[in-house]
Amino acid sequence: MGVIRRKVPGTYDWEGVELLTYNKPTVKGVSKRILIGPKDGASGFFMRYFEVQPGGNSAFEHHPEVHEVYVLRGKGKVLLGKEYHDITEGDVVYIEPNEQHELRAAPDQILGFLCIAPVP
């Protein structure tokens, strides 16, 4: 049976979804919510919501899994390969397999985005 996650009005939070924070030297101000994943019966992919606090950044990484990103709030930059690109609310980003990437929030805004990726 399918799953529905209800968004809490006026927030970027969903009922019954755990908030996870990253505590790594290379990651600054990032939290994650797994909206849909294997625990829900979705065996092939994750749908996650990330927030990067103002001035923060995600991991500087590359891996075999693709990412599809939809920016829900704020603005910032995304590294694709060797070049950073400005991103803002409503933009979509495709990160190809093994492409170096990182997402950075603007210094004055939270960057919130959905990320859909296969389960590694």
PDB file of N, CA and C in Angstrom:
ATOM      1  N   MET A   1       0.840  -1.180   0.000  1.00  0.00           N
ATOM      2  CA  MET A   1       0.000   0.000   0.000  1.00  0.00           C
ATOM      3  C   MET A   1       0.888   1.249   0.000  1.00  0.00           C
ATOM      4  N   GLY A   2       0.435   2.270  -0.666  1.00  0.00           N
ATOM      5  CA  GLY A   2       1.166   3.527  -0.753  1.00  0.00           C
ATOM      6  C   GLY A   2       1.224   4.268   0.578  1.00  0.00           C
ATOM      7  N   VAL A   3       1.925   5.364   0.576  1.00  0.00           N
ATOM      8  CA  VAL A   3       2.165   6.155   1.777  1.00  0.00           C
ATOM      9  C   VAL A   3       1.889   7.623   1.469  1.00  0.00           C
ATOM     10  N   ILE A   4       1.300   8.324   2.417  1.00  0.00           N
ATOM     11  CA  ILE A   4       1.099   9.771   2.307  1.00  0.00           C
ATOM     12  C   ILE A   4       1.815  10.425   3.477  1.00  0.00           C
ATOM     13  N   ARG A   5       2.599  11.418   3.179  1.00  0.00           N
ATOM     14  CA  ARG A   5       3.246  12.231   4.209  1.00  0.00           C
ATOM     15  C   ARG A   5       2.615  13.616   4.141  1.00  0.00           C
ATOM     16  N   ARG A   6       1.966  14.026   5.188  1.00  0.00           N
ATOM     17  CA  ARG A   6       1.284  15.322   5.220  1.00  0.00           C
ATOM     18  C   ARG A   6       2.239  16.414   5.684  1.00  0.00           C
ATOM     19  N   LYS A   7       2.315  17.477   4.897  1.00  0.00           N
ATOM     20  CA  LYS A   7       3.150  18.625   5.232  1.00  0.00           C
ATOM     21  C   LYS A   7       2.481  19.406   6.356  1.00  0.00           C
ATOM     22  N   VAL A   8       3.255  19.833   7.328  1.00  0.00           N
ATOM     23  CA  VAL A   8       2.749  20.659   8.421  1.00  0.00           C
ATOM     24  C   VAL A   8       2.575  22.079   7.862  1.00  0.00           C
ATOM     25  N   PRO A   9       1.356  22.621   7.893  1.00  0.00           N
ATOM     26  CA  PRO A   9       1.118  23.943   7.298  1.00  0.00           C
ATOM     27  C   PRO A   9       2.075  25.009   7.833  1.00  0.00           C
ATOM     28  N   GLY A  10       2.558  25.841   6.910  1.00  0.00           N
ATOM     29  CA  GLY A  10       3.419  26.951   7.287  1.00  0.00           C
ATOM     30  C   GLY A  10       4.853  26.567   7.600  1.00  0.00           C
ATOM     31  N   THR A  11       5.220  25.312   7.369  1.00  0.00           N
ATOM     32  CA  THR A  11       6.580  24.841   7.661  1.00  0.00           C
ATOM     33  C   THR A  11       7.101  24.031   6.487  1.00  0.00           C
ATOM     34  N   TYR A  12       8.346  23.652   6.590  1.00  0.00           N
ATOM     35  CA  TYR A  12       8.929  22.668   5.680  1.00  0.00           C
ATOM     36  C   TYR A  12       9.220  21.424   6.497  1.00  0.00           C
ATOM     37  N   ASP A  13       8.153  20.878   7.072  1.00  0.00           N
ATOM     38  CA  ASP A  13       8.204  19.687   7.894  1.00  0.00           C
ATOM     39  C   ASP A  13       7.015  18.817   7.519  1.00  0.00           C
ATOM     40  N   TRP A  14       7.132  17.519   7.721  1.00  0.00           N
ATOM     41  CA  TRP A  14       6.081  16.581   7.380  1.00  0.00           C
ATOM     42  C   TRP A  14       5.778  15.717   8.589  1.00  0.00           C
ATOM     43  N   GLU A  15       4.505  15.423   8.789  1.00  0.00           N
ATOM     44  CA  GLU A  15       4.078  14.611   9.936  1.00  0.00           C
ATOM     45  C   GLU A  15       4.752  13.245   9.899  1.00  0.00           C
ATOM     46  N   GLY A  16       5.299  12.839  11.035  1.00  0.00           N
ATOM     47  CA  GLY A  16       5.880  11.513  11.169  1.00  0.00           C
ATOM     48  C   GLY A  16       7.215  11.315  10.483  1.00  0.00           C
ATOM     49  N   VAL A  17       7.852  12.401  10.034  1.00  0.00           N
ATOM     50  CA  VAL A  17       9.144  12.293   9.352  1.00  0.00           C
ATOM     51  C   VAL A  17      10.239  12.796  10.286  1.00  0.00           C
ATOM     52  N   GLU A  18      11.235  11.961  10.506  1.00  0.00           N
ATOM     53  CA  GLU A  18      12.333  12.288  11.418  1.00  0.00           C
ATOM     54  C   GLU A  18      13.290  13.317  10.805  1.00  0.00           C
ATOM     55  N   LEU A  19      13.725  14.245  11.624  1.00  0.00           N
ATOM     56  CA  LEU A  19      14.727  15.225  11.228  1.00  0.00           C
ATOM     57  C   LEU A  19      16.110  14.670  11.569  1.00  0.00           C
ATOM     58  N   LEU A  20      16.975  14.585  10.555  1.00  0.00           N
ATOM     59  CA  LEU A  20      18.340  14.086  10.749  1.00  0.00           C
ATOM     60  C   LEU A  20      19.305  15.225  10.453  1.00  0.00           C
ATOM     61  N   THR A  21      20.322  15.379  11.272  1.00  0.00           N
ATOM     62  CA  THR A  21      21.312  16.424  11.030  1.00  0.00           C
ATOM     63  C   THR A  21      22.665  15.783  10.774  1.00  0.00           C
ATOM     64  N   TYR A  22      23.477  16.480  10.001  1.00  0.00           N
ATOM     65  CA  TYR A  22      24.812  16.004   9.686  1.00  0.00           C
ATOM     66  C   TYR A  22      25.813  16.632  10.633  1.00  0.00           C
ATOM     67  N   ASN A  23      26.746  15.822  11.097  1.00  0.00           N
ATOM     68  CA  ASN A  23      27.800  16.300  11.975  1.00  0.00           C
ATOM     69  C   ASN A  23      29.136  15.811  11.412  1.00  0.00           C
ATOM     70  N   LYS A  24      29.546  16.469  10.306  1.00  0.00           N
ATOM     71  CA  LYS A  24      30.797  16.116   9.648  1.00  0.00           C
ATOM     72  C   LYS A  24      31.605  17.385   9.465  1.00  0.00           C
ATOM     73  N   PRO A  25      32.917  17.291   9.498  1.00  0.00           N
ATOM     74  CA  PRO A  25      33.742  18.498   9.326  1.00  0.00           C
ATOM     75  C   PRO A  25      33.544  19.187   7.979  1.00  0.00           C
ATOM     76  N   THR A  26      33.199  18.425   6.932  1.00  0.00           N
ATOM     77  CA  THR A  26      33.059  19.010   5.596  1.00  0.00           C
ATOM     78  C   THR A  26      31.640  19.457   5.266  1.00  0.00           C
ATOM     79  N   VAL A  27      30.699  19.211   6.160  1.00  0.00           N
ATOM     80  CA  VAL A  27      29.299  19.574   5.935  1.00  0.00           C
ATOM     81  C   VAL A  27      28.897  20.577   7.001  1.00  0.00           C
ATOM     82  N   LYS A  28      28.288  21.697   6.574  1.00  0.00           N
ATOM     83  CA  LYS A  28      27.953  22.750   7.525  1.00  0.00           C
ATOM     84  C   LYS A  28      26.468  23.121   7.421  1.00  0.00           C
ATOM     85  N   GLY A  29      25.735  22.958   8.531  1.00  0.00           N
ATOM     86  CA  GLY A  29      24.357  23.432   8.612  1.00  0.00           C
ATOM     87  C   GLY A  29      23.355  22.688   7.765  1.00  0.00           C
ATOM     88  N   VAL A  30      23.497  21.369   7.632  1.00  0.00           N
ATOM     89  CA  VAL A  30      22.611  20.585   6.762  1.00  0.00           C
ATOM     90  C   VAL A  30      21.733  19.651   7.591  1.00  0.00           C
ATOM     91  N   SER A  31      20.441  19.629   7.255  1.00  0.00           N
ATOM     92  CA  SER A  31      19.512  18.656   7.840  1.00  0.00           C
ATOM     93  C   SER A  31      18.779  17.947   6.712  1.00  0.00           C
ATOM     94  N   LYS A  32      18.251  16.759   7.042  1.00  0.00           N
ATOM     95  CA  LYS A  32      17.595  15.921   6.036  1.00  0.00           C
ATOM     96  C   LYS A  32      16.358  15.272   6.629  1.00  0.00           C
ATOM     97  N   ARG A  33      15.353  15.144   5.783  1.00  0.00           N
ATOM     98  CA  ARG A  33      14.157  14.374   6.109  1.00  0.00           C
ATOM     99  C   ARG A  33      13.936  13.378   4.976  1.00  0.00           C
ATOM    100  N   ILE A  34      13.843  12.093   5.299  1.00  0.00           N
ATOM    101  CA  ILE A  34      13.547  11.091   4.275  1.00  0.00           C
ATOM    102  C   ILE A  34      12.025  11.029   4.163  1.00  0.00           C
ATOM    103  N   LEU A  35      11.501  11.588   3.060  1.00  0.00           N
ATOM    104  CA  LEU A  35      10.055  11.651   2.867  1.00  0.00           C
ATOM    105  C   LEU A  35       9.491  10.316   2.403  1.00  0.00           C
ATOM    106  N   ILE A  36      10.184   9.678   1.468  1.00  0.00           N
ATOM    107  CA  ILE A  36       9.807   8.352   0.983  1.00  0.00           C
ATOM    108  C   ILE A  36      11.091   7.561   0.797  1.00  0.00           C
ATOM    109  N   GLY A  37      11.083   6.306   1.240  1.00  0.00           N
ATOM    110  CA  GLY A  37      12.265   5.474   1.096  1.00  0.00           C
ATOM    111  C   GLY A  37      11.947   4.014   1.269  1.00  0.00           C
ATOM    112  N   PRO A  38      12.966   3.195   1.401  1.00  0.00           N
ATOM    113  CA  PRO A  38      12.763   1.756   1.528  1.00  0.00           C
ATOM    114  C   PRO A  38      11.847   1.346   2.675  1.00  0.00           C
ATOM    115  N   LYS A  39      11.864   2.081   3.795  1.00  0.00           N
ATOM    116  CA  LYS A  39      10.962   1.749   4.913  1.00  0.00           C
ATOM    117  C   LYS A  39       9.498   1.862   4.516  1.00  0.00           C
ATOM    118  N   ASP A  40       9.230   2.631   3.438  1.00  0.00           N
ATOM    119  CA  ASP A  40       7.860   2.813   2.952  1.00  0.00           C
ATOM    120  C   ASP A  40       7.527   1.853   1.820  1.00  0.00           C
ATOM    121  N   GLY A  41       8.463   0.972   1.471  1.00  0.00           N
ATOM    122  CA  GLY A  41       8.245   0.041   0.381  1.00  0.00           C
ATOM    123  C   GLY A  41       8.820   0.517  -0.939  1.00  0.00           C
ATOM    124  N   ALA A  42       9.417   1.689  -0.962  1.00  0.00           N
ATOM    125  CA  ALA A  42      10.050   2.208  -2.174  1.00  0.00           C
ATOM    126  C   ALA A  42      11.456   1.615  -2.239  1.00  0.00           C
ATOM    127  N   SER A  43      11.605   0.533  -2.956  1.00  0.00           N
ATOM    128  CA  SER A  43      12.869  -0.199  -2.930  1.00  0.00           C
ATOM    129  C   SER A  43      13.941   0.382  -3.848  1.00  0.00           C
ATOM    130  N   GLY A  44      13.585   1.241  -4.788  1.00  0.00           N
ATOM    131  CA  GLY A  44      14.564   1.691  -5.753  1.00  0.00           C
ATOM    132  C   GLY A  44      15.084   3.099  -5.564  1.00  0.00           C
ATOM    133  N   PHE A  45      14.403   3.917  -4.737  1.00  0.00           N
ATOM    134  CA  PHE A  45      14.800   5.319  -4.653  1.00  0.00           C
ATOM    135  C   PHE A  45      14.432   5.920  -3.308  1.00  0.00           C
ATOM    136  N   PHE A  46      15.002   7.094  -3.062  1.00  0.00           N
ATOM    137  CA  PHE A  46      14.656   7.943  -1.917  1.00  0.00           C
ATOM    138  C   PHE A  46      14.094   9.252  -2.442  1.00  0.00           C
ATOM    139  N   MET A  47      13.139   9.823  -1.723  1.00  0.00           N
ATOM    140  CA  MET A  47      12.768  11.224  -1.898  1.00  0.00           C
ATOM    141  C   MET A  47      13.081  11.876  -0.564  1.00  0.00           C
ATOM    142  N   ARG A  48      14.009  12.849  -0.603  1.00  0.00           N
ATOM    143  CA  ARG A  48      14.464  13.472   0.634  1.00  0.00           C
ATOM    144  C   ARG A  48      14.315  14.988   0.527  1.00  0.00           C
ATOM    145  N   TYR A  49      14.097  15.614   1.684  1.00  0.00           N
ATOM    146  CA  TYR A  49      14.090  17.075   1.751  1.00  0.00           C
ATOM    147  C   TYR A  49      15.289  17.496   2.577  1.00  0.00           C
ATOM    148  N   PHE A  50      16.138  18.348   2.000  1.00  0.00           N
ATOM    149  CA  PHE A  50      17.314  18.868   2.680  1.00  0.00           C
ATOM    150  C   PHE A  50      17.143  20.358   2.931  1.00  0.00           C
ATOM    151  N   GLU A  51      17.689  20.820   4.042  1.00  0.00           N
ATOM    152  CA  GLU A  51      17.833  22.249   4.295  1.00  0.00           C
ATOM    153  C   GLU A  51      19.294  22.524   4.598  1.00  0.00           C
ATOM    154  N   VAL A  52      19.797  23.583   3.948  1.00  0.00           N
ATOM    155  CA  VAL A  52      21.148  24.055   4.211  1.00  0.00           C
ATOM    156  C   VAL A  52      20.995  25.442   4.804  1.00  0.00           C
ATOM    157  N   GLN A  53      21.491  25.622   6.013  1.00  0.00           N
ATOM    158  CA  GLN A  53      21.359  26.900   6.707  1.00  0.00           C
ATOM    159  C   GLN A  53      22.181  27.982   5.996  1.00  0.00           C
ATOM    160  N   PRO A  54      21.823  29.257   6.197  1.00  0.00           N
ATOM    161  CA  PRO A  54      22.553  30.339   5.530  1.00  0.00           C
ATOM    162  C   PRO A  54      24.068  30.181   5.701  1.00  0.00           C
ATOM    163  N   GLY A  55      24.784  30.252   4.558  1.00  0.00           N
ATOM    164  CA  GLY A  55      26.236  30.111   4.573  1.00  0.00           C
ATOM    165  C   GLY A  55      26.736  28.682   4.681  1.00  0.00           C
ATOM    166  N   GLY A  56      25.820  27.711   4.797  1.00  0.00           N
ATOM    167  CA  GLY A  56      26.210  26.311   4.946  1.00  0.00           C
ATOM    168  C   GLY A  56      26.404  25.613   3.616  1.00  0.00           C
ATOM    169  N   ASN A  57      26.847  24.355   3.690  1.00  0.00           N
ATOM    170  CA  ASN A  57      27.090  23.593   2.471  1.00  0.00           C
ATOM    171  C   ASN A  57      26.897  22.102   2.705  1.00  0.00           C
ATOM    172  N   SER A  58      26.512  21.426   1.631  1.00  0.00           N
ATOM    173  CA  SER A  58      26.424  19.969   1.653  1.00  0.00           C
ATOM    174  C   SER A  58      27.819  19.390   1.442  1.00  0.00           C
ATOM    175  N   ALA A  59      27.899  18.083   1.380  1.00  0.00           N
ATOM    176  CA  ALA A  59      29.190  17.420   1.164  1.00  0.00           C
ATOM    177  C   ALA A  59      29.715  17.722  -0.238  1.00  0.00           C
ATOM    178  N   PHE A  60      31.016  17.854  -0.342  1.00  0.00           N
ATOM    179  CA  PHE A  60      31.729  17.985  -1.607  1.00  0.00           C
ATOM    180  C   PHE A  60      32.048  16.551  -2.009  1.00  0.00           C
ATOM    181  N   GLU A  61      31.276  16.003  -2.971  1.00  0.00           N
ATOM    182  CA  GLU A  61      31.370  14.564  -3.206  1.00  0.00           C
ATOM    183  C   GLU A  61      31.037  14.192  -4.648  1.00  0.00           C
ATOM    184  N   HIS A  62      31.294  12.939  -4.957  1.00  0.00           N
ATOM    185  CA  HIS A  62      30.861  12.318  -6.206  1.00  0.00           C
ATOM    186  C   HIS A  62      30.648  10.837  -5.913  1.00  0.00           C
ATOM    187  N   HIS A  63      29.720  10.229  -6.640  1.00  0.00           N
ATOM    188  CA  HIS A  63      29.370   8.830  -6.438  1.00  0.00           C
ATOM    189  C   HIS A  63      28.593   8.333  -7.647  1.00  0.00           C
ATOM    190  N   PRO A  64      28.373   7.038  -7.778  1.00  0.00           N
ATOM    191  CA  PRO A  64      27.714   6.500  -8.976  1.00  0.00           C
ATOM    192  C   PRO A  64      26.227   6.850  -9.099  1.00  0.00           C
ATOM    193  N   GLU A  65      25.587   7.250  -8.010  1.00  0.00           N
ATOM    194  CA  GLU A  65      24.141   7.519  -8.057  1.00  0.00           C
ATOM    195  C   GLU A  65      23.859   8.911  -8.625  1.00  0.00           C
ATOM    196  N   VAL A  66      22.836   9.004  -9.472  1.00  0.00           N
ATOM    197  CA  VAL A  66      22.379  10.302  -9.969  1.00  0.00           C
ATOM    198  C   VAL A  66      21.563  10.982  -8.877  1.00  0.00           C
ATOM    199  N   HIS A  67      21.442  12.315  -8.951  1.00  0.00           N
ATOM    200  CA  HIS A  67      20.547  13.085  -8.092  1.00  0.00           C
ATOM    201  C   HIS A  67      19.678  13.956  -8.981  1.00  0.00           C
ATOM    202  N   GLU A  68      18.414  14.071  -8.618  1.00  0.00           N
ATOM    203  CA  GLU A  68      17.511  15.028  -9.238  1.00  0.00           C
ATOM    204  C   GLU A  68      17.042  15.951  -8.127  1.00  0.00           C
ATOM    205  N   VAL A  69      17.278  17.244  -8.289  1.00  0.00           N
ATOM    206  CA  VAL A  69      17.036  18.229  -7.234  1.00  0.00           C
ATOM    207  C   VAL A  69      15.999  19.241  -7.700  1.00  0.00           C
ATOM    208  N   TYR A  70      15.047  19.560  -6.804  1.00  0.00           N
ATOM    209  CA  TYR A  70      14.068  20.619  -7.046  1.00  0.00           C
ATOM    210  C   TYR A  70      14.172  21.600  -5.881  1.00  0.00           C
ATOM    211  N   VAL A  71      14.516  22.847  -6.172  1.00  0.00           N
ATOM    212  CA  VAL A  71      14.687  23.848  -5.124  1.00  0.00           C
ATOM    213  C   VAL A  71      13.312  24.376  -4.701  1.00  0.00           C
ATOM    214  N   LEU A  72      12.962  24.161  -3.423  1.00  0.00           N
ATOM    215  CA  LEU A  72      11.672  24.607  -2.882  1.00  0.00           C
ATOM    216  C   LEU A  72      11.731  25.989  -2.252  1.00  0.00           C
ATOM    217  N   ARG A  73      12.881  26.348  -1.712  1.00  0.00           N
ATOM    218  CA  ARG A  73      12.983  27.646  -1.034  1.00  0.00           C
ATOM    219  C   ARG A  73      14.413  28.157  -1.040  1.00  0.00           C
ATOM    220  N   GLY A  74      14.530  29.476  -1.021  1.00  0.00           N
ATOM    221  CA  GLY A  74      15.830  30.113  -0.894  1.00  0.00           C
ATOM    222  C   GLY A  74      16.612  30.160  -2.186  1.00  0.00           C
ATOM    223  N   LYS A  75      17.894  30.435  -2.005  1.00  0.00           N
ATOM    224  CA  LYS A  75      18.806  30.471  -3.151  1.00  0.00           C
ATOM    225  C   LYS A  75      20.196  30.079  -2.684  1.00  0.00           C
ATOM    226  N   GLY A  76      21.041  29.786  -3.658  1.00  0.00           N
ATOM    227  CA  GLY A  76      22.403  29.384  -3.350  1.00  0.00           C
ATOM    228  C   GLY A  76      23.145  29.063  -4.616  1.00  0.00           C
ATOM    229  N   LYS A  77      24.055  28.106  -4.491  1.00  0.00           N
ATOM    230  CA  LYS A  77      24.880  27.682  -5.627  1.00  0.00           C
ATOM    231  C   LYS A  77      24.990  26.162  -5.611  1.00  0.00           C
ATOM    232  N   VAL A  78      25.149  25.609  -6.816  1.00  0.00           N
ATOM    233  CA  VAL A  78      25.421  24.181  -6.947  1.00  0.00           C
ATOM    234  C   VAL A  78      26.674  24.008  -7.791  1.00  0.00           C
ATOM    235  N   LEU A  79      27.562  23.146  -7.307  1.00  0.00           N
ATOM    236  CA  LEU A  79      28.746  22.772  -8.061  1.00  0.00           C
ATOM    237  C   LEU A  79      28.385  21.586  -8.937  1.00  0.00           C
ATOM    238  N   LEU A  80      28.640  21.720 -10.242  1.00  0.00           N
ATOM    239  CA  LEU A  80      28.488  20.619 -11.187  1.00  0.00           C
ATOM    240  C   LEU A  80      29.829  20.468 -11.896  1.00  0.00           C
ATOM    241  N   GLY A  81      30.544  19.421 -11.550  1.00  0.00           N
ATOM    242  CA  GLY A  81      31.875  19.240 -12.118  1.00  0.00           C
ATOM    243  C   GLY A  81      32.858  20.208 -11.490  1.00  0.00           C
ATOM    244  N   LYS A  82      33.279  21.229 -12.265  1.00  0.00           N
ATOM    245  CA  LYS A  82      34.240  22.209 -11.777  1.00  0.00           C
ATOM    246  C   LYS A  82      33.664  23.607 -11.704  1.00  0.00           C
ATOM    247  N   GLU A  83      32.359  23.776 -11.973  1.00  0.00           N
ATOM    248  CA  GLU A  83      31.778  25.114 -12.042  1.00  0.00           C
ATOM    249  C   GLU A  83      30.565  25.251 -11.113  1.00  0.00           C
ATOM    250  N   TYR A  84      30.528  26.372 -10.374  1.00  0.00           N
ATOM    251  CA  TYR A  84      29.369  26.681  -9.535  1.00  0.00           C
ATOM    252  C   TYR A  84      28.346  27.462 -10.356  1.00  0.00           C
ATOM    253  N   HIS A  85      27.061  27.160 -10.095  1.00  0.00           N
ATOM    254  CA  HIS A  85      25.952  27.811 -10.791  1.00  0.00           C
ATOM    255  C   HIS A  85      24.974  28.342  -9.751  1.00  0.00           C
ATOM    256  N   ASP A  86      24.426  29.521  -9.970  1.00  0.00           N
ATOM    257  CA  ASP A  86      23.392  30.069  -9.095  1.00  0.00           C
ATOM    258  C   ASP A  86      22.125  29.254  -9.239  1.00  0.00           C
ATOM    259  N   ILE A  87      21.452  29.000  -8.109  1.00  0.00           N
ATOM    260  CA  ILE A  87      20.151  28.323  -8.119  1.00  0.00           C
ATOM    261  C   ILE A  87      19.203  29.078  -7.191  1.00  0.00           C
ATOM    262  N   THR A  88      17.911  28.998  -7.500  1.00  0.00           N
ATOM    263  CA  THR A  88      16.895  29.676  -6.703  1.00  0.00           C
ATOM    264  C   THR A  88      15.601  28.873  -6.739  1.00  0.00           C
ATOM    265  N   GLU A  89      14.663  29.261  -5.918  1.00  0.00           N
ATOM    266  CA  GLU A  89      13.369  28.589  -5.808  1.00  0.00           C
ATOM    267  C   GLU A  89      12.774  28.310  -7.185  1.00  0.00           C
ATOM    268  N   GLY A  90      12.362  27.055  -7.392  1.00  0.00           N
ATOM    269  CA  GLY A  90      11.751  26.639  -8.650  1.00  0.00           C
ATOM    270  C   GLY A  90      12.713  26.000  -9.629  1.00  0.00           C
ATOM    271  N   ASP A  91      14.028  26.170  -9.418  1.00  0.00           N
ATOM    272  CA  ASP A  91      15.006  25.566 -10.320  1.00  0.00           C
ATOM    273  C   ASP A  91      15.079  24.057 -10.091  1.00  0.00           C
ATOM    274  N   VAL A  92      15.432  23.343 -11.146  1.00  0.00           N
ATOM    275  CA  VAL A  92      15.684  21.905 -11.053  1.00  0.00           C
ATOM    276  C   VAL A  92      17.107  21.637 -11.522  1.00  0.00           C
ATOM    277  N   VAL A  93      17.730  20.627 -10.932  1.00  0.00           N
ATOM    278  CA  VAL A  93      19.133  20.314 -11.212  1.00  0.00           C
ATOM    279  C   VAL A  93      19.255  18.806 -11.391  1.00  0.00           C
ATOM    280  N   TYR A  94      19.972  18.409 -12.424  1.00  0.00           N
ATOM    281  CA  TYR A  94      20.319  17.001 -12.612  1.00  0.00           C
ATOM    282  C   TYR A  94      21.814  16.855 -12.357  1.00  0.00           C
ATOM    283  N   ILE A  95      22.171  15.946 -11.476  1.00  0.00           N
ATOM    284  CA  ILE A  95      23.570  15.646 -11.171  1.00  0.00           C
ATOM    285  C   ILE A  95      23.842  14.238 -11.695  1.00  0.00           C
ATOM    286  N   GLU A  96      24.714  14.159 -12.675  1.00  0.00           N
ATOM    287  CA  GLU A  96      24.943  12.871 -13.333  1.00  0.00           C
ATOM    288  C   GLU A  96      25.846  11.963 -12.501  1.00  0.00           C
ATOM    289  N   PRO A  97      25.907  10.681 -12.851  1.00  0.00           N
ATOM    290  CA  PRO A  97      26.744   9.746 -12.104  1.00  0.00           C
ATOM    291  C   PRO A  97      28.202  10.204 -12.055  1.00  0.00           C
ATOM    292  N   ASN A  98      28.805  10.087 -10.894  1.00  0.00           N
ATOM    293  CA  ASN A  98      30.215  10.398 -10.642  1.00  0.00           C
ATOM    294  C   ASN A  98      30.592  11.858 -10.880  1.00  0.00           C
ATOM    295  N   GLU A  99      29.605  12.742 -10.961  1.00  0.00           N
ATOM    296  CA  GLU A  99      29.894  14.168 -11.132  1.00  0.00           C
ATOM    297  C   GLU A  99      30.179  14.799  -9.770  1.00  0.00           C
ATOM    298  N   GLN A 100      31.284  15.528  -9.670  1.00  0.00           N
ATOM    299  CA  GLN A 100      31.593  16.249  -8.443  1.00  0.00           C
ATOM    300  C   GLN A 100      30.483  17.264  -8.194  1.00  0.00           C
ATOM    301  N   HIS A 101      29.978  17.322  -6.954  1.00  0.00           N
ATOM    302  CA  HIS A 101      28.883  18.255  -6.667  1.00  0.00           C
ATOM    303  C   HIS A 101      28.900  18.693  -5.213  1.00  0.00           C
ATOM    304  N   GLU A 102      28.252  19.826  -4.982  1.00  0.00           N
ATOM    305  CA  GLU A 102      28.082  20.402  -3.651  1.00  0.00           C
ATOM    306  C   GLU A 102      26.979  21.446  -3.786  1.00  0.00           C
ATOM    307  N   LEU A 103      26.149  21.590  -2.770  1.00  0.00           N
ATOM    308  CA  LEU A 103      25.143  22.648  -2.740  1.00  0.00           C
ATOM    309  C   LEU A 103      25.464  23.586  -1.592  1.00  0.00           C
ATOM    310  N   ARG A 104      25.405  24.883  -1.881  1.00  0.00           N
ATOM    311  CA  ARG A 104      25.710  25.913  -0.886  1.00  0.00           C
ATOM    312  C   ARG A 104      24.535  26.872  -0.769  1.00  0.00           C
ATOM    313  N   ALA A 105      24.163  27.210   0.450  1.00  0.00           N
ATOM    314  CA  ALA A 105      23.121  28.215   0.681  1.00  0.00           C
ATOM    315  C   ALA A 105      23.727  29.606   0.584  1.00  0.00           C
ATOM    316  N   ALA A 106      22.918  30.567   0.154  1.00  0.00           N
ATOM    317  CA  ALA A 106      23.337  31.966   0.169  1.00  0.00           C
ATOM    318  C   ALA A 106      23.619  32.365   1.612  1.00  0.00           C
ATOM    319  N   PRO A 107      24.403  33.421   1.834  1.00  0.00           N
ATOM    320  CA  PRO A 107      24.754  33.810   3.203  1.00  0.00           C
ATOM    321  C   PRO A 107      23.569  34.286   4.034  1.00  0.00           C
ATOM    322  N   ASP A 108      22.472  34.657   3.378  1.00  0.00           N
ATOM    323  CA  ASP A 108      21.339  35.245   4.097  1.00  0.00           C
ATOM    324  C   ASP A 108      20.039  34.461   3.981  1.00  0.00           C
ATOM    325  N   GLN A 109      20.065  33.250   3.408  1.00  0.00           N
ATOM    326  CA  GLN A 109      18.836  32.486   3.212  1.00  0.00           C
ATOM    327  C   GLN A 109      19.064  30.997   3.406  1.00  0.00           C
ATOM    328  N   ILE A 110      18.027  30.317   3.873  1.00  0.00           N
ATOM    329  CA  ILE A 110      18.027  28.854   3.914  1.00  0.00           C
ATOM    330  C   ILE A 110      17.811  28.353   2.491  1.00  0.00           C
ATOM    331  N   LEU A 111      18.544  27.326   2.109  1.00  0.00           N
ATOM    332  CA  LEU A 111      18.336  26.649   0.837  1.00  0.00           C
ATOM    333  C   LEU A 111      17.633  25.332   1.148  1.00  0.00           C
ATOM    334  N   GLY A 112      16.392  25.180   0.690  1.00  0.00           N
ATOM    335  CA  GLY A 112      15.628  23.962   0.917  1.00  0.00           C
ATOM    336  C   GLY A 112      15.320  23.291  -0.405  1.00  0.00           C
ATOM    337  N   PHE A 113      15.576  21.988  -0.496  1.00  0.00           N
ATOM    338  CA  PHE A 113      15.358  21.311  -1.774  1.00  0.00           C
ATOM    339  C   PHE A 113      14.974  19.850  -1.589  1.00  0.00           C
ATOM    340  N   LEU A 114      14.186  19.355  -2.540  1.00  0.00           N
ATOM    341  CA  LEU A 114      13.908  17.932  -2.639  1.00  0.00           C
ATOM    342  C   LEU A 114      15.021  17.294  -3.445  1.00  0.00           C
ATOM    343  N   CYS A 115      15.432  16.113  -3.046  1.00  0.00           N
ATOM    344  CA  CYS A 115      16.440  15.360  -3.792  1.00  0.00           C
ATOM    345  C   CYS A 115      15.920  13.938  -3.966  1.00  0.00           C
ATOM    346  N   ILE A 116      15.823  13.519  -5.221  1.00  0.00           N
ATOM    347  CA  ILE A 116      15.412  12.165  -5.521  1.00  0.00           C
ATOM    348  C   ILE A 116      16.631  11.440  -6.071  1.00  0.00           C
ATOM    349  N   ALA A 117      16.940  10.293  -5.468  1.00  0.00           N
ATOM    350  CA  ALA A 117      18.124   9.533  -5.850  1.00  0.00           C
ATOM    351  C   ALA A 117      17.856   8.052  -5.628  1.00  0.00           C
ATOM    352  N   PRO A 118      18.531   7.202  -6.408  1.00  0.00           N
ATOM    353  CA  PRO A 118      18.375   5.758  -6.177  1.00  0.00           C
ATOM    354  C   PRO A 118      19.003   5.346  -4.846  1.00  0.00           C
ATOM    355  N   VAL A 119      18.496   4.269  -4.315  1.00  0.00           N
ATOM    356  CA  VAL A 119      19.074   3.711  -3.102  1.00  0.00           C
ATOM    357  C   VAL A 119      20.428   3.118  -3.490  1.00  0.00           C
ATOM    358  N   PRO A 120      21.506   3.540  -2.797  1.00  0.00           N
ATOM    359  CA  PRO A 120      22.835   3.023  -3.176  1.00  0.00           C
ATOM    360  C   PRO A 120      22.985   1.546  -2.869  1.00  0.00           C
TER     361      PRO A 120
END
